[in-house]
Amino acid sequence: MTYRIVIADPLSDEGLMPLKAADDVELIRIDGADEAARRAALSEADALIVRSQTKVTRALLGTMPNLKVIGRAGVGVDNIDLEAATERGVIVLNAPYGNMIAAAEHTMAMMLALVRHIPRAHQSLTAGAWNRGAFIGIELAGKTLGVIGLGRIGQEVAKRAKAFDMTVIAYDPYLTEARAKALGVEKVSMPELFARADLITLHTPLTEETRNILDAEAFRQMKDGVRIVNCARGGLIDEAALYDALQSGKVSGAALDVFAVEPPHQSPLLDLPNVVVTPHLGASTVEAQELVARDVALEVLNVLRGRPFKNSVNFPALSPDVYTRLKDDLTLAETLGRFVGALIDRAPTRLSITFAGAYPAEDEGALTRAVVQSFLKRQLDIHVNFVNALYLAKQRRLDITTEIAHKSEGFEKLLLVTVVDETGAAVSAAGTVLNGLGPRIVKVDGFSVDVVPRGHILYIHHHDRPGVIGRVGTLLGQYGINIATMQVSRRDEGGRAIMMLTVDHMPGADVLNALIGLDDIDRVQAIML
């Protein structure tokens, strides 16, 4: 059988060699082809490979009745309608590893350009000036680099920074003390990183938890004169707050390759002399483009030939009938994974899943993957899905265990997820599916509750004493936060207790700080489900 693979965007010829050498592939390039030729090629395509130029919309998918797989030669898949592809049963792949070195090197290049004023010095000299005294910089040697996110790229940056004789400190929820020691970095909390770092570089995914991770409050905690580098994701920095910090001198300089809105033509950051910018060039090297093209080419071949593949963005690995039967159970599993992921605040070492009650043995694999993928999605900087979830957990030394329990505490089925961190501390959540009512969280850290798992949730540990609930409600009212539902649970009168409140919008740091300051409140966490 011959597979027709259509290349819609410019890709490295060297990277496409696996396809050119395959005797079961007809390779067609349509970049620059006229509209009639494009339509003809797409109408019979078994696979489509793109970069970022081609927008794979629902309408475009409708012109490719034979399409089985889309390969994105790069990490981001914003130009592909994942929902429409999934509905059509089309597998979407990406190439998350090929740009790792390019991104790390660009980070170092931006760091050096920033501390040595290279762009401004170049402009000054080419304009006819010779003003050496205006561009006195600093050395990286002896400085402390704070790395937020020590994944693949963050580790490569740390390695290079150490070669410059920098002290590297890192914050990453998945970083254990043992792993930090092996990498030669010091594991610290976020506030400690802010307080100690001379330069801060970001290498974390953009999620609801990490959006604007560097905001006005974060800048306030930093050393005077700190320098910021972001070659990861636009949206990690509150750009208005960064502008103010640069203007005030709190931040002495910033190097930015990514922006919340791209291209950032209206950004006032572009007008500041202490900002170095590039147009999202982190992966723009000959070598990186060759690697991502090769990686995605091999993965596309694996799909077409029915072989195992890893880098799927959307493939659920379930037949449609199984997915339909397990839809609510899968939603519950994903919810519990997200929920315990929000509760834990140290590097996890073990995630255990207990199936109690009427769970068929053949469903346990799918539900385990659902828990693990949603747990990992909160922190990892690559797409996590059913296919690669267990592989990524193993890669990060997260031990996954499952067990069967006969007692389901009165429920037909009960799913319990427990996470243990590097100190041995554990958090847990259990849930069930109620007929006609859908998933429910019914236990948190051993406390009984009945919570519909959606929206904004405040999880509060407190002492069971008169007036605590009233103080919480009054304070939220003072901040204009409406409580939709409230669950209170205790084990013993006057002992430890919890509250779980669903609220109309997520409270800010000021509200959370005010809550933790109330009498008899031990811990407050805001969770988005």
Protein backbone atom coordinates (compact mmCIF):
# COMPACT_ATOMS: atom_id res chain seq x y z
CA MET A 1 0.00 0.00 0.00
CA THR A 2 1.19 3.50 -0.83
CA TYR A 3 0.47 6.39 1.55
CA ARG A 4 0.03 9.90 0.19
CA ILE A 5 1.72 12.40 2.53
CA VAL A 6 1.19 16.08 1.78
CA ILE A 7 3.69 18.71 2.97
CA ALA A 8 1.85 22.03 3.24
CA ASP A 9 4.58 24.31 4.69
CA PRO A 10 8.33 24.73 4.10
CA LEU A 11 10.21 21.96 5.90
CA SER A 12 13.84 20.84 6.05
CA ASP A 13 14.72 18.54 3.16
CA GLU A 14 17.14 16.67 5.41
CA GLY A 15 14.43 16.22 8.02
CA LEU A 16 12.09 14.69 5.44
CA MET A 17 14.60 12.02 4.39
CA PRO A 18 12.70 9.22 6.22
CA LEU A 19 9.73 9.94 3.97
CA LYS A 20 11.80 10.31 0.80
CA ALA A 21 13.50 6.98 1.45
CA ALA A 22 10.25 5.10 2.14
CA ASP A 23 9.05 2.92 -0.73
CA ASP A 24 5.44 3.01 0.50
CA VAL A 25 5.14 6.82 0.51
CA GLU A 26 4.07 9.26 -2.19
CA LEU A 27 5.38 12.64 -1.01
CA ILE A 28 3.67 15.78 -2.34
CA ARG A 29 4.65 19.37 -1.56
CA ILE A 30 1.91 21.95 -2.01
CA ASP A 31 3.60 25.00 -0.50
CA GLY A 32 3.31 27.58 -3.24
CA ALA A 33 1.16 25.37 -5.47
CA ASP A 34 -1.88 26.86 -7.19
CA GLU A 35 -5.30 26.35 -5.60
CA ALA A 36 -6.39 23.60 -7.99
CA ALA A 37 -3.24 21.58 -7.30
CA ARG A 38 -3.66 22.06 -3.55
CA ARG A 39 -7.25 20.81 -3.61
CA ALA A 40 -6.31 17.80 -5.72
CA ALA A 41 -3.44 16.81 -3.41
CA LEU A 42 -5.43 17.28 -0.20
CA SER A 43 -8.45 15.38 -1.45
CA GLU A 44 -6.45 12.13 -1.50
CA ALA A 45 -4.09 12.79 1.43
CA ASP A 46 -3.53 10.08 4.02
CA ALA A 47 -1.33 12.38 6.08
CA LEU A 48 -0.73 16.14 6.28
CA ILE A 49 2.43 17.72 7.69
CA VAL A 50 2.48 21.42 8.54
CA ARG A 51 4.42 23.99 10.52
CA SER A 52 2.60 27.12 11.70
CA GLN A 53 1.61 28.79 8.42
CA THR A 54 -1.15 26.41 7.34
CA LYS A 55 -4.33 26.71 9.39
CA VAL A 56 -5.92 23.28 9.62
CA THR A 57 -9.50 24.36 10.14
CA ARG A 58 -12.68 22.33 10.29
CA ALA A 59 -13.39 23.39 6.72
CA LEU A 60 -9.96 22.28 5.50
CA LEU A 61 -10.38 18.92 7.25
CA GLY A 62 -13.63 18.50 5.36
CA THR A 63 -11.69 18.49 2.07
CA MET A 64 -9.57 15.48 3.14
CA PRO A 65 -11.85 12.43 3.43
CA ASN A 66 -8.92 9.96 3.61
CA LEU A 67 -6.89 11.83 6.21
CA LYS A 68 -5.59 9.68 9.08
CA VAL A 69 -2.92 11.82 10.72
CA ILE A 70 -1.68 15.42 10.93
CA GLY A 71 1.95 16.07 11.86
CA ARG A 72 2.98 19.45 13.28
CA ALA A 73 6.72 20.01 12.85
CA GLY A 74 7.11 21.82 16.16
CA VAL A 75 5.54 21.97 19.60
CA GLY A 76 2.51 24.26 19.41
CA VAL A 77 -0.67 23.10 17.68
CA ASP A 78 -2.65 26.36 17.87
CA ASN A 79 -3.05 26.34 14.09
CA ILE A 80 -4.86 22.98 14.15
CA ASP A 81 -8.53 22.55 15.13
CA LEU A 82 -7.98 19.71 17.58
CA GLU A 83 -11.67 19.28 18.33
CA ALA A 84 -12.57 18.90 14.67
CA ALA A 85 -9.64 16.53 14.07
CA THR A 86 -10.60 14.38 17.05
CA GLU A 87 -14.22 14.24 15.92
CA ARG A 88 -13.01 13.00 12.55
CA GLY A 89 -10.75 10.41 14.18
CA VAL A 90 -7.64 12.11 12.82
CA ILE A 91 -4.56 11.72 15.01
CA VAL A 92 -2.61 14.93 15.60
CA LEU A 93 1.11 14.60 16.32
CA ASN A 94 3.77 17.14 17.25
CA ALA A 95 7.55 17.16 17.72
CA PRO A 96 8.19 18.33 21.29
CA TYR A 97 11.88 17.48 21.59
CA GLY A 98 13.59 18.73 18.44
CA ASN A 99 13.87 22.38 19.48
CA MET A 100 15.27 21.75 22.95
CA ILE A 101 18.88 22.80 22.28
CA ALA A 102 17.85 25.69 20.06
CA ALA A 103 15.59 27.12 22.77
CA ALA A 104 18.26 26.74 25.45
CA GLU A 105 20.92 28.40 23.32
CA HIS A 106 18.59 31.25 22.40
CA THR A 107 17.92 31.81 26.10
CA MET A 108 21.65 32.15 26.74
CA ALA A 109 22.03 34.43 23.72
CA MET A 110 19.25 36.69 24.99
CA MET A 111 20.78 36.70 28.47
CA LEU A 112 24.17 37.76 27.12
CA ALA A 113 22.66 40.35 24.80
CA LEU A 114 20.82 41.82 27.76
CA VAL A 115 23.67 42.06 30.26
CA ARG A 116 26.18 43.34 27.66
CA HIS A 117 23.80 45.78 25.88
CA ILE A 118 24.65 44.22 22.51
CA PRO A 119 21.63 45.42 20.47
CA ARG A 120 21.97 49.07 21.58
CA ALA A 121 25.75 49.04 21.16
CA HIS A 122 25.34 47.67 17.63
CA GLN A 123 22.79 50.34 16.73
CA SER A 124 25.00 53.08 18.18
CA LEU A 125 28.09 51.98 16.29
CA THR A 126 26.31 51.55 12.95
CA ALA A 127 24.83 55.02 13.43
CA GLY A 128 28.36 56.45 13.51
CA ALA A 129 28.99 56.77 17.27
CA TRP A 130 31.86 55.30 19.28
CA ASN A 131 30.57 55.52 22.84
CA ARG A 132 32.13 52.71 24.84
CA GLY A 133 31.26 54.21 28.21
CA ALA A 134 27.52 54.11 27.54
CA PHE A 135 27.36 50.33 27.36
CA ILE A 136 29.09 49.01 30.45
CA GLY A 137 27.51 45.66 31.31
CA ILE A 138 27.81 42.97 33.96
CA GLU A 139 29.33 39.51 33.95
CA LEU A 140 27.28 36.34 34.32
CA ALA A 141 30.06 34.72 36.35
CA GLY A 142 29.28 34.84 40.04
CA LYS A 143 25.63 35.78 39.52
CA THR A 144 22.66 33.71 40.69
CA LEU A 145 20.30 32.48 37.97
CA GLY A 146 16.76 31.56 39.01
CA VAL A 147 15.19 28.99 36.67
CA ILE A 148 11.42 28.66 36.90
CA GLY A 149 10.55 25.30 35.36
CA LEU A 150 13.31 22.69 35.22
CA GLY A 151 11.99 20.55 32.41
CA ARG A 152 13.94 19.58 29.31
CA ILE A 153 14.81 23.10 28.22
CA GLY A 154 15.26 24.44 31.75
CA GLN A 155 17.81 21.70 32.45
CA GLU A 156 19.76 22.58 29.31
CA VAL A 157 19.80 26.25 30.31
CA ALA A 158 20.98 25.34 33.81
CA LYS A 159 23.81 23.26 32.35
CA ARG A 160 24.99 26.17 30.21
CA ALA A 161 24.63 28.70 33.01
CA LYS A 162 26.86 26.57 35.23
CA ALA A 163 29.49 26.62 32.49
CA PHE A 164 29.42 30.43 32.86
CA ASP A 165 30.20 29.97 36.60
CA MET A 166 26.71 31.00 37.63
CA THR A 167 24.97 29.69 40.73
CA VAL A 168 21.73 28.05 39.59
CA ILE A 169 18.66 27.88 41.80
CA ALA A 170 15.42 26.40 40.52
CA TYR A 171 11.73 26.19 41.28
CA ASP A 172 9.74 23.34 39.79
CA PRO A 173 6.88 21.48 41.52
CA TYR A 174 8.19 18.20 40.09
CA LEU A 175 11.80 18.71 41.13
CA THR A 176 12.92 16.46 43.98
CA GLU A 177 15.94 17.16 46.17
CA ALA A 178 17.68 14.11 44.74
CA ARG A 179 17.09 15.21 41.15
CA ALA A 180 18.23 18.76 41.92
CA LYS A 181 21.45 17.43 43.42
CA ALA A 182 22.07 15.24 40.36
CA LEU A 183 21.63 18.29 38.11
CA GLY A 184 23.90 20.43 40.27
CA VAL A 185 21.23 23.01 41.09
CA GLU A 186 19.63 24.12 44.32
CA LYS A 187 15.91 23.51 44.74
CA VAL A 188 14.14 26.53 46.26
CA SER A 189 10.64 27.88 46.76
CA MET A 190 9.29 30.56 44.47
CA PRO A 191 9.61 33.34 47.09
CA GLU A 192 13.22 32.32 47.79
CA LEU A 193 14.00 32.32 44.08
CA PHE A 194 12.57 35.83 43.77
CA ALA A 195 14.58 37.03 46.75
CA ARG A 196 17.95 35.59 45.66
CA ALA A 197 18.11 35.61 41.86
CA ASP A 198 20.10 38.23 39.94
CA LEU A 199 18.56 36.95 36.71
CA ILE A 200 15.34 34.94 36.28
CA THR A 201 14.53 32.80 33.26
CA LEU A 202 11.17 31.14 32.57
CA HIS A 203 10.80 27.61 31.19
CA THR A 204 7.33 26.54 32.25
CA PRO A 205 4.19 25.78 30.22
CA LEU A 206 1.39 28.34 30.00
CA THR A 207 -1.55 27.12 32.09
CA GLU A 208 -4.19 28.80 34.20
CA GLU A 209 -1.85 28.35 37.17
CA THR A 210 1.21 29.84 35.44
CA ARG A 211 -0.47 32.66 33.52
CA ASN A 212 1.07 35.95 34.76
CA ILE A 213 3.27 34.00 37.16
CA LEU A 214 5.45 37.10 37.14
CA ASP A 215 3.03 39.83 38.20
CA ALA A 216 3.31 43.00 40.26
CA GLU A 217 3.46 41.04 43.52
CA ALA A 218 6.20 38.79 42.17
CA PHE A 219 8.27 41.78 41.03
CA ARG A 220 7.84 43.34 44.46
CA GLN A 221 9.50 40.28 46.04
CA MET A 222 12.52 40.35 43.71
CA LYS A 223 15.92 41.91 44.26
CA ASP A 224 16.31 45.48 43.05
CA GLY A 225 17.89 45.48 39.60
CA VAL A 226 16.88 41.90 38.70
CA ARG A 227 16.91 40.95 35.01
CA ILE A 228 14.16 38.83 33.38
CA VAL A 229 14.44 36.46 30.41
CA ASN A 230 11.43 34.80 28.75
CA CYS A 231 11.95 32.50 25.78
CA ALA A 232 9.19 30.09 26.86
CA ARG A 233 5.59 31.28 26.47
CA GLY A 234 3.87 34.61 26.06
CA GLY A 235 1.43 35.14 28.91
CA LEU A 236 3.75 33.96 31.68
CA ILE A 237 4.52 37.61 32.46
CA ASP A 238 2.03 40.36 33.26
CA GLU A 239 3.43 42.73 30.66
CA ALA A 240 1.86 45.85 32.19
CA ALA A 241 3.46 44.99 35.54
CA LEU A 242 6.80 44.33 33.82
CA TYR A 243 6.61 47.70 32.08
CA ASP A 244 6.07 49.45 35.41
CA ALA A 245 8.92 47.49 37.04
CA LEU A 246 11.27 48.40 34.17
CA GLN A 247 10.30 52.05 34.38
CA SER A 248 10.85 52.17 38.14
CA GLY A 249 14.20 50.36 37.98
CA LYS A 250 13.02 47.44 40.09
CA VAL A 251 13.76 45.35 37.00
CA SER A 252 16.88 46.67 35.30
CA GLY A 253 16.31 44.84 32.04
CA ALA A 254 14.30 42.19 30.23
CA ALA A 255 14.95 39.92 27.24
CA LEU A 256 11.77 38.69 25.58
CA ASP A 257 11.33 36.26 22.69
CA VAL A 258 7.61 35.68 23.31
CA PHE A 259 4.64 37.91 24.05
CA ALA A 260 1.06 37.58 25.24
CA VAL A 261 -0.10 38.88 21.84
CA GLU A 262 2.04 38.15 18.79
CA PRO A 263 3.13 40.09 16.89
CA PRO A 264 3.37 42.64 19.74
CA HIS A 265 3.21 45.76 17.60
CA GLN A 266 1.23 47.76 20.17
CA SER A 267 3.33 46.72 23.18
CA PRO A 268 4.92 49.66 25.05
CA LEU A 269 7.74 47.28 26.03
CA LEU A 270 9.15 47.71 22.53
CA ASP A 271 9.85 51.39 23.26
CA LEU A 272 12.02 50.79 26.35
CA PRO A 273 15.80 50.97 25.97
CA ASN A 274 16.38 48.31 28.62
CA VAL A 275 14.41 45.63 26.77
CA VAL A 276 15.88 43.19 24.22
CA VAL A 277 13.34 41.54 21.92
CA THR A 278 13.28 38.91 19.18
CA PRO A 279 10.29 37.66 17.14
CA HIS A 280 9.75 34.19 18.68
CA LEU A 281 13.02 32.74 17.40
CA GLY A 282 13.58 30.09 20.09
CA ALA A 283 13.27 27.16 17.68
CA SER A 284 14.61 28.95 14.61
CA THR A 285 17.84 27.10 13.85
CA VAL A 286 18.71 24.92 10.89
CA GLU A 287 19.36 22.00 13.22
CA ALA A 288 16.10 22.39 15.15
CA GLN A 289 14.04 22.59 11.99
CA GLU A 290 15.73 19.47 10.68
CA LEU A 291 15.11 17.60 13.93
CA VAL A 292 11.42 18.53 14.25
CA ALA A 293 10.82 17.63 10.61
CA ARG A 294 12.55 14.27 11.08
CA ASP A 295 10.74 13.53 14.35
CA VAL A 296 7.30 14.26 12.95
CA ALA A 297 8.06 12.38 9.71
CA LEU A 298 8.96 9.22 11.65
CA GLU A 299 5.87 9.53 13.87
CA VAL A 300 3.58 9.97 10.84
CA LEU A 301 5.09 6.84 9.29
CA ASN A 302 4.48 4.91 12.51
CA VAL A 303 0.80 5.88 12.52
CA LEU A 304 0.27 5.01 8.85
CA ARG A 305 2.06 1.69 9.23
CA GLY A 306 0.18 0.76 12.41
CA ARG A 307 3.24 0.93 14.64
CA PRO A 308 3.48 2.42 18.16
CA PHE A 309 3.84 6.20 18.39
CA LYS A 310 4.32 8.58 21.32
CA ASN A 311 3.76 12.22 20.47
CA SER A 312 0.03 12.33 19.90
CA VAL A 313 -1.77 15.48 21.05
CA ASN A 314 -5.34 14.20 20.86
CA PHE A 315 -5.46 10.42 20.43
CA PRO A 316 -7.45 8.84 23.28
CA ALA A 317 -6.38 5.26 22.53
CA LEU A 318 -10.00 4.12 23.04
CA SER A 319 -12.53 2.79 20.60
CA PRO A 320 -15.63 4.99 20.20
CA ASP A 321 -17.92 2.50 21.97
CA VAL A 322 -15.58 2.21 24.98
CA TYR A 323 -15.17 5.98 25.13
CA THR A 324 -18.95 6.45 25.13
CA ARG A 325 -19.44 3.88 27.90
CA LEU A 326 -16.67 5.37 30.06
CA LYS A 327 -17.26 9.04 29.33
CA ASP A 328 -18.41 10.01 32.86
CA ASP A 329 -15.83 7.75 34.54
CA LEU A 330 -13.07 9.29 32.40
CA THR A 331 -14.26 12.77 33.34
CA LEU A 332 -14.15 11.77 37.01
CA ALA A 333 -10.66 10.31 36.64
CA GLU A 334 -9.35 13.44 34.92
CA THR A 335 -11.00 15.63 37.56
CA LEU A 336 -9.40 13.72 40.43
CA GLY A 337 -6.00 13.92 38.73
CA ARG A 338 -6.30 17.69 38.31
CA PHE A 339 -7.61 18.10 41.84
CA VAL A 340 -4.82 16.25 43.66
CA GLY A 341 -2.34 17.97 41.36
CA ALA A 342 -3.59 21.29 42.70
CA LEU A 343 -3.38 20.13 46.32
CA ILE A 344 0.23 18.97 46.33
CA ASP A 345 2.89 21.64 46.77
CA ARG A 346 6.09 19.56 46.76
CA ALA A 347 7.65 17.26 44.19
CA PRO A 348 5.49 14.11 43.86
CA THR A 349 7.15 10.71 43.98
CA ARG A 350 4.17 8.32 43.91
CA LEU A 351 0.64 8.43 42.53
CA SER A 352 -1.66 5.57 43.53
CA ILE A 353 -5.09 4.82 42.15
CA THR A 354 -7.57 2.58 44.00
CA PHE A 355 -10.54 1.05 42.17
CA ALA A 356 -13.33 0.11 44.58
CA GLY A 357 -16.63 -1.48 43.68
CA ALA A 358 -17.90 -2.44 40.23
CA TYR A 359 -14.98 -1.36 38.04
CA PRO A 360 -14.38 -3.95 35.28
CA ALA A 361 -10.71 -4.93 35.08
CA GLU A 362 -10.58 -3.99 31.40
CA ASP A 363 -11.43 -0.35 32.24
CA GLU A 364 -8.64 0.17 34.76
CA GLY A 365 -5.94 0.91 32.18
CA ALA A 366 -7.90 3.69 30.50
CA LEU A 367 -8.92 5.28 33.81
CA THR A 368 -5.34 5.11 35.11
CA ARG A 369 -4.10 6.93 32.03
CA ALA A 370 -6.85 9.53 32.44
CA VAL A 371 -5.77 10.25 36.02
CA VAL A 372 -2.08 10.41 35.15
CA GLN A 373 -2.47 12.61 32.08
CA SER A 374 -4.58 15.20 33.89
CA PHE A 375 -2.20 15.18 36.88
CA LEU A 376 0.84 15.75 34.65
CA LYS A 377 -0.81 18.36 32.42
CA ARG A 378 -0.69 20.92 35.22
CA GLN A 379 3.09 21.17 35.13
CA LEU A 380 4.70 19.73 32.01
CA ASP A 381 5.78 21.84 29.08
CA ILE A 382 4.74 19.30 26.44
CA HIS A 383 1.37 17.84 25.49
CA VAL A 384 0.33 14.97 27.75
CA ASN A 385 -2.22 12.45 26.49
CA PHE A 386 -3.38 8.85 26.86
CA VAL A 387 -0.54 7.58 24.71
CA ASN A 388 2.41 9.21 26.45
CA ALA A 389 1.14 9.79 30.02
CA LEU A 390 2.69 6.71 31.63
CA TYR A 391 5.90 7.14 29.65
CA LEU A 392 6.26 10.75 30.85
CA ALA A 393 5.50 9.75 34.44
CA LYS A 394 8.26 7.14 34.31
CA GLN A 395 10.64 9.64 32.73
CA ARG A 396 10.04 11.97 35.68
CA ARG A 397 10.48 9.17 38.24
CA LEU A 398 6.84 9.33 39.30
CA ASP A 399 5.85 5.87 40.50
CA ILE A 400 2.32 4.90 39.37
CA THR A 401 0.56 2.14 41.34
CA THR A 402 -2.95 0.72 41.15
CA GLU A 403 -4.89 -1.53 43.49
CA ILE A 404 -8.32 -3.09 43.88
CA ALA A 405 -10.43 -2.52 47.01
CA HIS A 406 -13.55 -4.49 47.85
CA LYS A 407 -15.17 -1.82 50.04
CA SER A 408 -16.65 1.11 48.13
CA GLU A 409 -18.19 2.84 51.17
CA GLY A 410 -21.78 2.50 49.97
CA PHE A 411 -21.15 3.61 46.39
CA GLU A 412 -21.49 1.35 43.39
CA LYS A 413 -18.03 2.49 42.26
CA LEU A 414 -15.43 4.62 44.05
CA LEU A 415 -12.19 5.93 42.55
CA LEU A 416 -9.51 7.07 45.00
CA VAL A 417 -6.38 8.97 43.93
CA THR A 418 -3.52 9.54 46.36
CA VAL A 419 -0.29 11.46 45.75
CA VAL A 420 2.77 11.17 47.99
CA ASP A 421 5.48 13.85 47.85
CA GLU A 422 9.21 13.59 48.48
CA THR A 423 8.73 14.19 52.22
CA GLY A 424 6.25 11.33 52.54
CA ALA A 425 3.25 13.64 52.96
CA ALA A 426 0.12 12.56 51.08
CA VAL A 427 -3.00 14.19 49.67
CA SER A 428 -6.00 12.29 48.34
CA ALA A 429 -9.38 12.68 46.70
CA ALA A 430 -12.08 10.14 45.94
CA GLY A 431 -15.04 10.36 43.62
CA THR A 432 -17.91 8.49 42.08
CA VAL A 433 -20.40 8.82 39.24
CA LEU A 434 -24.02 9.28 40.32
CA ASN A 435 -26.59 8.03 37.83
CA GLY A 436 -28.10 10.99 36.05
CA LEU A 437 -26.02 13.48 38.03
CA GLY A 438 -22.53 12.80 36.75
CA PRO A 439 -19.18 12.88 38.60
CA ARG A 440 -18.90 13.92 42.23
CA ILE A 441 -15.96 14.38 44.60
CA VAL A 442 -17.01 12.57 47.79
CA LYS A 443 -13.83 12.53 49.88
CA VAL A 444 -10.86 14.88 50.23
CA ASP A 445 -7.96 13.91 52.50
CA GLY A 446 -10.34 11.51 54.25
CA PHE A 447 -13.09 14.11 54.87
CA SER A 448 -16.53 13.31 53.43
CA VAL A 449 -17.97 15.89 51.01
CA ASP A 450 -20.33 16.05 48.03
CA VAL A 451 -18.90 18.46 45.49
CA VAL A 452 -19.76 18.94 41.82
CA PRO A 453 -16.25 19.16 40.32
CA ARG A 454 -16.35 22.26 38.16
CA GLY A 455 -15.62 25.95 38.34
CA HIS A 456 -13.68 27.87 40.98
CA ILE A 457 -13.18 26.07 44.29
CA LEU A 458 -11.75 27.31 47.58
CA TYR A 459 -10.38 24.48 49.72
CA ILE A 460 -9.85 25.54 53.34
CA HIS A 461 -8.41 23.60 56.28
CA HIS A 462 -9.57 24.98 59.62
CA HIS A 463 -10.34 24.17 63.24
CA ASP A 464 -13.95 23.25 64.03
CA ARG A 465 -14.80 26.20 66.23
CA PRO A 466 -17.78 28.59 66.39
CA GLY A 467 -17.59 31.59 64.09
CA VAL A 468 -15.04 30.27 61.58
CA ILE A 469 -17.54 29.76 58.76
CA GLY A 470 -19.06 33.17 59.39
CA ARG A 471 -15.70 34.90 59.27
CA VAL A 472 -14.88 33.26 55.95
CA GLY A 473 -18.23 34.23 54.42
CA THR A 474 -17.98 37.80 55.71
CA LEU A 475 -14.47 38.28 54.34
CA LEU A 476 -15.40 36.94 50.90
CA GLY A 477 -18.40 39.25 50.89
CA GLN A 478 -16.15 42.20 51.68
CA TYR A 479 -14.10 41.37 48.59
CA GLY A 480 -17.22 40.98 46.43
CA ILE A 481 -16.83 37.23 45.95
CA ASN A 482 -20.12 35.35 45.80
CA ILE A 483 -20.34 31.86 47.30
CA ALA A 484 -22.32 29.46 45.11
CA THR A 485 -22.09 26.35 47.31
CA MET A 486 -20.37 25.36 50.55
CA GLN A 487 -19.44 21.96 51.98
CA VAL A 488 -18.14 21.61 55.54
CA SER A 489 -16.77 18.35 56.93
CA ARG A 490 -15.17 17.27 60.19
CA ARG A 491 -14.12 14.03 61.86
CA ASP A 492 -14.40 15.05 65.50
CA GLU A 493 -16.16 17.91 67.26
CA GLY A 494 -13.70 20.76 67.79
CA GLY A 495 -10.98 19.06 65.74
CA ARG A 496 -9.63 19.49 62.22
CA ALA A 497 -12.18 20.32 59.55
CA ILE A 498 -12.39 21.43 55.93
CA MET A 499 -14.53 23.76 53.86
CA MET A 500 -15.00 23.47 50.12
CA LEU A 501 -16.63 26.50 48.54
CA THR A 502 -17.50 27.04 44.91
CA VAL A 503 -17.31 30.74 44.07
CA ASP A 504 -18.27 32.79 41.04
CA HIS A 505 -14.73 33.88 40.24
CA MET A 506 -11.24 32.96 41.34
CA PRO A 507 -9.98 35.01 44.30
CA GLY A 508 -6.70 36.85 43.91
CA ALA A 509 -3.63 36.62 46.12
CA ASP A 510 -4.93 39.45 48.33
CA VAL A 511 -8.07 37.45 49.20
CA LEU A 512 -6.13 34.25 49.84
CA ASN A 513 -3.71 36.09 52.11
CA ALA A 514 -6.60 37.67 54.00
CA LEU A 515 -8.26 34.27 54.46
CA ILE A 516 -5.11 32.62 55.80
CA GLY A 517 -4.84 35.49 58.26
CA LEU A 518 -8.17 34.67 59.89
CA ASP A 519 -8.24 32.95 63.27
CA ASP A 520 -8.43 29.12 63.15
CA ILE A 521 -7.59 28.92 59.42
CA ASP A 522 -4.64 26.61 58.66
CA ARG A 523 -4.47 26.42 54.88
CA VAL A 524 -6.24 27.95 51.88
CA GLN A 525 -5.98 26.76 48.29
CA ALA A 526 -7.71 28.07 45.18
CA ILE A 527 -8.43 25.38 42.58
CA MET A 528 -9.81 25.74 39.07
CA LEU A 529 -11.72 22.71 37.80
